[in-house]
Amino acid sequence: MKQRCLKNGLRILHLLSTSKPELGITETSNSDGLNKSTVHRLMKTLEKEGFVLKEIKRRANISWGFHF
């Protein structure tokens, strides 16, 4: 289980570093084939650890960007 979570988190970081600088949960889910809930959980963990930043543009529009 831990290996799969790590692999999925790394896939998200790779996607953020090679695509648009900011992606939303739906865009990331569609691009990576992961469930939205999985993407959201992984993004929250990556944000907590300082790997991504969350930007709230509008009430319903949250995007995440790679941060190093």
PDB file of N, CA and C in Angstrom:
ATOM      1  N   MET A   1       0.831  -1.205   0.000  1.00  0.00           N
ATOM      2  CA  MET A   1       0.000   0.000   0.000  1.00  0.00           C
ATOM      3  C   MET A   1       0.867   1.256   0.000  1.00  0.00           C
ATOM      4  N   LYS A   2       1.902   1.272   0.849  1.00  0.00           N
ATOM      5  CA  LYS A   2       2.755   2.457   0.939  1.00  0.00           C
ATOM      6  C   LYS A   2       3.486   2.713  -0.364  1.00  0.00           C
ATOM      7  N   GLN A   3       3.903   1.638  -1.042  1.00  0.00           N
ATOM      8  CA  GLN A   3       4.596   1.806  -2.314  1.00  0.00           C
ATOM      9  C   GLN A   3       3.675   2.407  -3.358  1.00  0.00           C
ATOM     10  N   ARG A   4       2.421   1.976  -3.379  1.00  0.00           N
ATOM     11  CA  ARG A   4       1.460   2.517  -4.343  1.00  0.00           C
ATOM     12  C   ARG A   4       1.198   3.992  -4.077  1.00  0.00           C
ATOM     13  N   CYS A   5       1.063   4.373  -2.800  1.00  0.00           N
ATOM     14  CA  CYS A   5       0.861   5.788  -2.460  1.00  0.00           C
ATOM     15  C   CYS A   5       2.058   6.625  -2.885  1.00  0.00           C
ATOM     16  N   LEU A   6       3.243   6.121  -2.623  1.00  0.00           N
ATOM     17  CA  LEU A   6       4.452   6.835  -3.024  1.00  0.00           C
ATOM     18  C   LEU A   6       4.509   6.970  -4.541  1.00  0.00           C
ATOM     19  N   LYS A   7       4.226   5.881  -5.242  1.00  0.00           N
ATOM     20  CA  LYS A   7       4.250   5.909  -6.707  1.00  0.00           C
ATOM     21  C   LYS A   7       3.243   6.923  -7.247  1.00  0.00           C
ATOM     22  N   ASN A   8       2.032   6.927  -6.698  1.00  0.00           N
ATOM     23  CA  ASN A   8       1.011   7.875  -7.153  1.00  0.00           C
ATOM     24  C   ASN A   8       1.406   9.316  -6.849  1.00  0.00           C
ATOM     25  N   GLY A   9       1.979   9.548  -5.684  1.00  0.00           N
ATOM     26  CA  GLY A   9       2.442  10.893  -5.342  1.00  0.00           C
ATOM     27  C   GLY A   9       3.534  11.367  -6.275  1.00  0.00           C
ATOM     28  N   LEU A  10       4.446  10.480  -6.611  1.00  0.00           N
ATOM     29  CA  LEU A  10       5.516  10.836  -7.544  1.00  0.00           C
ATOM     30  C   LEU A  10       4.969  11.078  -8.947  1.00  0.00           C
ATOM     31  N   ARG A  11       3.958  10.321  -9.340  1.00  0.00           N
ATOM     32  CA  ARG A  11       3.322  10.558 -10.649  1.00  0.00           C
ATOM     33  C   ARG A  11       2.696  11.953 -10.699  1.00  0.00           C
ATOM     34  N   ILE A  12       2.076  12.362  -9.601  1.00  0.00           N
ATOM     35  CA  ILE A  12       1.474  13.692  -9.550  1.00  0.00           C
ATOM     36  C   ILE A  12       2.554  14.765  -9.621  1.00  0.00           C
ATOM     37  N   LEU A  13       3.637  14.597  -8.873  1.00  0.00           N
ATOM     38  CA  LEU A  13       4.731  15.573  -8.925  1.00  0.00           C
ATOM     39  C   LEU A  13       5.324  15.653 -10.331  1.00  0.00           C
ATOM     40  N   HIS A  14       5.480  14.518 -10.982  1.00  0.00           N
ATOM     41  CA  HIS A  14       6.001  14.510 -12.349  1.00  0.00           C
ATOM     42  C   HIS A  14       5.048  15.244 -13.284  1.00  0.00           C
ATOM     43  N   LEU A  15       3.768  14.994 -13.141  1.00  0.00           N
ATOM     44  CA  LEU A  15       2.769  15.666 -13.970  1.00  0.00           C
ATOM     45  C   LEU A  15       2.828  17.175 -13.768  1.00  0.00           C
ATOM     46  N   LEU A  16       2.920  17.613 -12.521  1.00  0.00           N
ATOM     47  CA  LEU A  16       2.984  19.046 -12.234  1.00  0.00           C
ATOM     48  C   LEU A  16       4.272  19.675 -12.764  1.00  0.00           C
ATOM     49  N   SER A  17       5.351  18.919 -12.781  1.00  0.00           N
ATOM     50  CA  SER A  17       6.623  19.493 -13.219  1.00  0.00           C
ATOM     51  C   SER A  17       6.774  19.492 -14.730  1.00  0.00           C
ATOM     52  N   THR A  18       5.978  18.686 -15.443  1.00  0.00           N
ATOM     53  CA  THR A  18       6.132  18.598 -16.894  1.00  0.00           C
ATOM     54  C   THR A  18       4.962  19.180 -17.674  1.00  0.00           C
ATOM     55  N   SER A  19       3.881  19.505 -17.008  1.00  0.00           N
ATOM     56  CA  SER A  19       2.721  20.063 -17.704  1.00  0.00           C
ATOM     57  C   SER A  19       2.547  21.519 -17.298  1.00  0.00           C
ATOM     58  N   LYS A  20       1.315  21.950 -17.273  1.00  0.00           N
ATOM     59  CA  LYS A  20       1.033  23.319 -16.843  1.00  0.00           C
ATOM     60  C   LYS A  20       1.531  23.517 -15.418  1.00  0.00           C
ATOM     61  N   PRO A  21       1.940  24.750 -15.090  1.00  0.00           N
ATOM     62  CA  PRO A  21       2.454  24.976 -13.742  1.00  0.00           C
ATOM     63  C   PRO A  21       1.404  24.812 -12.642  1.00  0.00           C
ATOM     64  N   GLU A  22       0.136  24.885 -13.003  1.00  0.00           N
ATOM     65  CA  GLU A  22      -0.932  24.720 -12.018  1.00  0.00           C
ATOM     66  C   GLU A  22      -1.984  23.783 -12.593  1.00  0.00           C
ATOM     67  N   LEU A  23      -2.420  22.853 -11.795  1.00  0.00           N
ATOM     68  CA  LEU A  23      -3.472  21.926 -12.198  1.00  0.00           C
ATOM     69  C   LEU A  23      -4.474  21.768 -11.070  1.00  0.00           C
ATOM     70  N   GLY A  24      -5.729  21.634 -11.427  1.00  0.00           N
ATOM     71  CA  GLY A  24      -6.761  21.363 -10.443  1.00  0.00           C
ATOM     72  C   GLY A  24      -6.897  19.872 -10.209  1.00  0.00           C
ATOM     73  N   ILE A  25      -7.725  19.502  -9.266  1.00  0.00           N
ATOM     74  CA  ILE A  25      -7.948  18.105  -8.924  1.00  0.00           C
ATOM     75  C   ILE A  25      -8.494  17.339 -10.134  1.00  0.00           C
ATOM     76  N   THR A  26      -9.490  17.895 -10.816  1.00  0.00           N
ATOM     77  CA  THR A  26     -10.096  17.217 -11.964  1.00  0.00           C
ATOM     78  C   THR A  26      -9.100  17.049 -13.089  1.00  0.00           C
ATOM     79  N   GLU A  27      -8.344  18.093 -13.405  1.00  0.00           N
ATOM     80  CA  GLU A  27      -7.335  18.009 -14.464  1.00  0.00           C
ATOM     81  C   GLU A  27      -6.282  16.949 -14.134  1.00  0.00           C
ATOM     82  N   THR A  28      -5.833  16.938 -12.897  1.00  0.00           N
ATOM     83  CA  THR A  28      -4.823  15.965 -12.476  1.00  0.00           C
ATOM     84  C   THR A  28      -5.394  14.562 -12.541  1.00  0.00           C
ATOM     85  N   SER A  29      -6.616  14.395 -12.071  1.00  0.00           N
ATOM     86  CA  SER A  29      -7.271  13.091 -12.100  1.00  0.00           C
ATOM     87  C   SER A  29      -7.433  12.595 -13.530  1.00  0.00           C
ATOM     88  N   ASN A  30      -7.893  13.459 -14.419  1.00  0.00           N
ATOM     89  CA  ASN A  30      -8.088  13.075 -15.813  1.00  0.00           C
ATOM     90  C   ASN A  30      -6.766  12.738 -16.494  1.00  0.00           C
ATOM     91  N   SER A  31      -5.724  13.476 -16.186  1.00  0.00           N
ATOM     92  CA  SER A  31      -4.424  13.261 -16.824  1.00  0.00           C
ATOM     93  C   SER A  31      -3.715  12.021 -16.296  1.00  0.00           C
ATOM     94  N   ASP A  32      -3.947  11.714 -15.037  1.00  0.00           N
ATOM     95  CA  ASP A  32      -3.192  10.637 -14.388  1.00  0.00           C
ATOM     96  C   ASP A  32      -3.990   9.349 -14.213  1.00  0.00           C
ATOM     97  N   GLY A  33      -5.304   9.411 -14.423  1.00  0.00           N
ATOM     98  CA  GLY A  33      -6.132   8.218 -14.279  1.00  0.00           C
ATOM     99  C   GLY A  33      -6.435   7.813 -12.855  1.00  0.00           C
ATOM    100  N   LEU A  34      -6.206   8.713 -11.911  1.00  0.00           N
ATOM    101  CA  LEU A  34      -6.509   8.420 -10.501  1.00  0.00           C
ATOM    102  C   LEU A  34      -7.871   8.997 -10.136  1.00  0.00           C
ATOM    103  N   ASN A  35      -8.505   8.438  -9.111  1.00  0.00           N
ATOM    104  CA  ASN A  35      -9.766   8.990  -8.613  1.00  0.00           C
ATOM    105  C   ASN A  35      -9.530  10.383  -8.041  1.00  0.00           C
ATOM    106  N   LYS A  36     -10.549  11.233  -8.130  1.00  0.00           N
ATOM    107  CA  LYS A  36     -10.436  12.592  -7.588  1.00  0.00           C
ATOM    108  C   LYS A  36     -10.127  12.570  -6.093  1.00  0.00           C
ATOM    109  N   SER A  37     -10.745  11.647  -5.362  1.00  0.00           N
ATOM    110  CA  SER A  37     -10.509  11.596  -3.915  1.00  0.00           C
ATOM    111  C   SER A  37      -9.062  11.209  -3.616  1.00  0.00           C
ATOM    112  N   THR A  38      -8.492  10.327  -4.420  1.00  0.00           N
ATOM    113  CA  THR A  38      -7.093   9.935  -4.241  1.00  0.00           C
ATOM    114  C   THR A  38      -6.171  11.106  -4.535  1.00  0.00           C
ATOM    115  N   VAL A  39      -6.448  11.810  -5.632  1.00  0.00           N
ATOM    116  CA  VAL A  39      -5.640  12.979  -5.992  1.00  0.00           C
ATOM    117  C   VAL A  39      -5.711  14.031  -4.892  1.00  0.00           C
ATOM    118  N   HIS A  40      -6.904  14.296  -4.379  1.00  0.00           N
ATOM    119  CA  HIS A  40      -7.071  15.309  -3.339  1.00  0.00           C
ATOM    120  C   HIS A  40      -6.283  14.920  -2.086  1.00  0.00           C
ATOM    121  N   ARG A  41      -6.388  13.676  -1.670  1.00  0.00           N
ATOM    122  CA  ARG A  41      -5.670  13.206  -0.478  1.00  0.00           C
ATOM    123  C   ARG A  41      -4.155  13.324  -0.668  1.00  0.00           C
ATOM    124  N   LEU A  42      -3.677  12.915  -1.835  1.00  0.00           N
ATOM    125  CA  LEU A  42      -2.240  13.007  -2.103  1.00  0.00           C
ATOM    126  C   LEU A  42      -1.779  14.462  -2.184  1.00  0.00           C
ATOM    127  N   MET A  43      -2.593  15.323  -2.799  1.00  0.00           N
ATOM    128  CA  MET A  43      -2.232  16.750  -2.888  1.00  0.00           C
ATOM    129  C   MET A  43      -2.156  17.377  -1.501  1.00  0.00           C
ATOM    130  N   LYS A  44      -3.085  17.020  -0.622  1.00  0.00           N
ATOM    131  CA  LYS A  44      -3.054  17.552   0.745  1.00  0.00           C
ATOM    132  C   LYS A  44      -1.781  17.106   1.465  1.00  0.00           C
ATOM    133  N   THR A  45      -1.382  15.856   1.266  1.00  0.00           N
ATOM    134  CA  THR A  45      -0.141  15.363   1.878  1.00  0.00           C
ATOM    135  C   THR A  45       1.066  16.078   1.290  1.00  0.00           C
ATOM    136  N   LEU A  46       1.103  16.220  -0.038  1.00  0.00           N
ATOM    137  CA  LEU A  46       2.219  16.915  -0.693  1.00  0.00           C
ATOM    138  C   LEU A  46       2.286  18.378  -0.264  1.00  0.00           C
ATOM    139  N   GLU A  47       1.126  18.994  -0.055  1.00  0.00           N
ATOM    140  CA  GLU A  47       1.088  20.387   0.418  1.00  0.00           C
ATOM    141  C   GLU A  47       1.634  20.461   1.849  1.00  0.00           C
ATOM    142  N   LYS A  48       1.203  19.558   2.695  1.00  0.00           N
ATOM    143  CA  LYS A  48       1.653  19.543   4.088  1.00  0.00           C
ATOM    144  C   LYS A  48       3.168  19.381   4.189  1.00  0.00           C
ATOM    145  N   GLU A  49       3.734  18.599   3.275  1.00  0.00           N
ATOM    146  CA  GLU A  49       5.176  18.351   3.272  1.00  0.00           C
ATOM    147  C   GLU A  49       5.967  19.399   2.485  1.00  0.00           C
ATOM    148  N   GLY A  50       5.273  20.377   1.889  1.00  0.00           N
ATOM    149  CA  GLY A  50       5.950  21.477   1.213  1.00  0.00           C
ATOM    150  C   GLY A  50       6.328  21.237  -0.239  1.00  0.00           C
ATOM    151  N   PHE A  51       5.772  20.215  -0.871  1.00  0.00           N
ATOM    152  CA  PHE A  51       6.107  19.913  -2.263  1.00  0.00           C
ATOM    153  C   PHE A  51       5.207  20.636  -3.259  1.00  0.00           C
ATOM    154  N   VAL A  52       3.990  20.982  -2.865  1.00  0.00           N
ATOM    155  CA  VAL A  52       3.075  21.727  -3.730  1.00  0.00           C
ATOM    156  C   VAL A  52       2.460  22.868  -2.931  1.00  0.00           C
ATOM    157  N   LEU A  53       2.000  23.860  -3.642  1.00  0.00           N
ATOM    158  CA  LEU A  53       1.293  24.984  -3.037  1.00  0.00           C
ATOM    159  C   LEU A  53      -0.124  25.017  -3.566  1.00  0.00           C
ATOM    160  N   LYS A  54      -1.073  25.306  -2.693  1.00  0.00           N
ATOM    161  CA  LYS A  54      -2.469  25.421  -3.094  1.00  0.00           C
ATOM    162  C   LYS A  54      -2.783  26.886  -3.316  1.00  0.00           C
ATOM    163  N   GLU A  55      -3.435  27.169  -4.433  1.00  0.00           N
ATOM    164  CA  GLU A  55      -3.845  28.537  -4.749  1.00  0.00           C
ATOM    165  C   GLU A  55      -5.346  28.549  -4.967  1.00  0.00           C
ATOM    166  N   ILE A  56      -6.030  29.400  -4.231  1.00  0.00           N
ATOM    167  CA  ILE A  56      -7.474  29.526  -4.380  1.00  0.00           C
ATOM    168  C   ILE A  56      -7.743  30.770  -5.219  1.00  0.00           C
ATOM    169  N   LYS A  57      -8.220  30.549  -6.440  1.00  0.00           N
ATOM    170  CA  LYS A  57      -8.478  31.657  -7.355  1.00  0.00           C
ATOM    171  C   LYS A  57      -9.905  32.172  -7.211  1.00  0.00           C
ATOM    172  N   ARG A  58     -10.818  31.260  -7.101  1.00  0.00           N
ATOM    173  CA  ARG A  58     -12.224  31.585  -6.867  1.00  0.00           C
ATOM    174  C   ARG A  58     -12.736  30.580  -5.863  1.00  0.00           C
ATOM    175  N   ARG A  59     -13.928  30.773  -5.454  1.00  0.00           N
ATOM    176  CA  ARG A  59     -14.494  29.902  -4.422  1.00  0.00           C
ATOM    177  C   ARG A  59     -14.424  28.421  -4.791  1.00  0.00           C
ATOM    178  N   ALA A  60     -14.722  28.090  -6.033  1.00  0.00           N
ATOM    179  CA  ALA A  60     -14.754  26.680  -6.434  1.00  0.00           C
ATOM    180  C   ALA A  60     -13.552  26.293  -7.295  1.00  0.00           C
ATOM    181  N   ASN A  61     -12.572  27.159  -7.414  1.00  0.00           N
ATOM    182  CA  ASN A  61     -11.428  26.868  -8.280  1.00  0.00           C
ATOM    183  C   ASN A  61     -10.144  26.845  -7.457  1.00  0.00           C
ATOM    184  N   ILE A  62      -9.681  25.678  -7.147  1.00  0.00           N
ATOM    185  CA  ILE A  62      -8.437  25.494  -6.408  1.00  0.00           C
ATOM    186  C   ILE A  62      -7.446  24.813  -7.319  1.00  0.00           C
ATOM    187  N   SER A  63      -6.264  25.357  -7.433  1.00  0.00           N
ATOM    188  CA  SER A  63      -5.233  24.702  -8.237  1.00  0.00           C
ATOM    189  C   SER A  63      -4.004  24.451  -7.381  1.00  0.00           C
ATOM    190  N   TRP A  64      -3.189  23.542  -7.833  1.00  0.00           N
ATOM    191  CA  TRP A  64      -1.992  23.140  -7.104  1.00  0.00           C
ATOM    192  C   TRP A  64      -0.805  23.335  -8.025  1.00  0.00           C
ATOM    193  N   GLY A  65       0.277  23.788  -7.497  1.00  0.00           N
ATOM    194  CA  GLY A  65       1.483  23.993  -8.294  1.00  0.00           C
ATOM    195  C   GLY A  65       2.689  23.361  -7.629  1.00  0.00           C
ATOM    196  N   PHE A  66       3.616  22.926  -8.441  1.00  0.00           N
ATOM    197  CA  PHE A  66       4.851  22.307  -7.973  1.00  0.00           C
ATOM    198  C   PHE A  66       5.662  23.359  -7.230  1.00  0.00           C
ATOM    199  N   HIS A  67       6.260  22.981  -6.112  1.00  0.00           N
ATOM    200  CA  HIS A  67       7.009  23.943  -5.301  1.00  0.00           C
ATOM    201  C   HIS A  67       8.312  23.329  -4.826  1.00  0.00           C
ATOM    202  N   PHE A  68       9.429  23.898  -5.285  1.00  0.00           N
ATOM    203  CA  PHE A  68      10.749  23.500  -4.790  1.00  0.00           C
ATOM    204  C   PHE A  68      11.634  24.690  -4.753  1.00  0.00           C
TER     205      PHE A  68
END
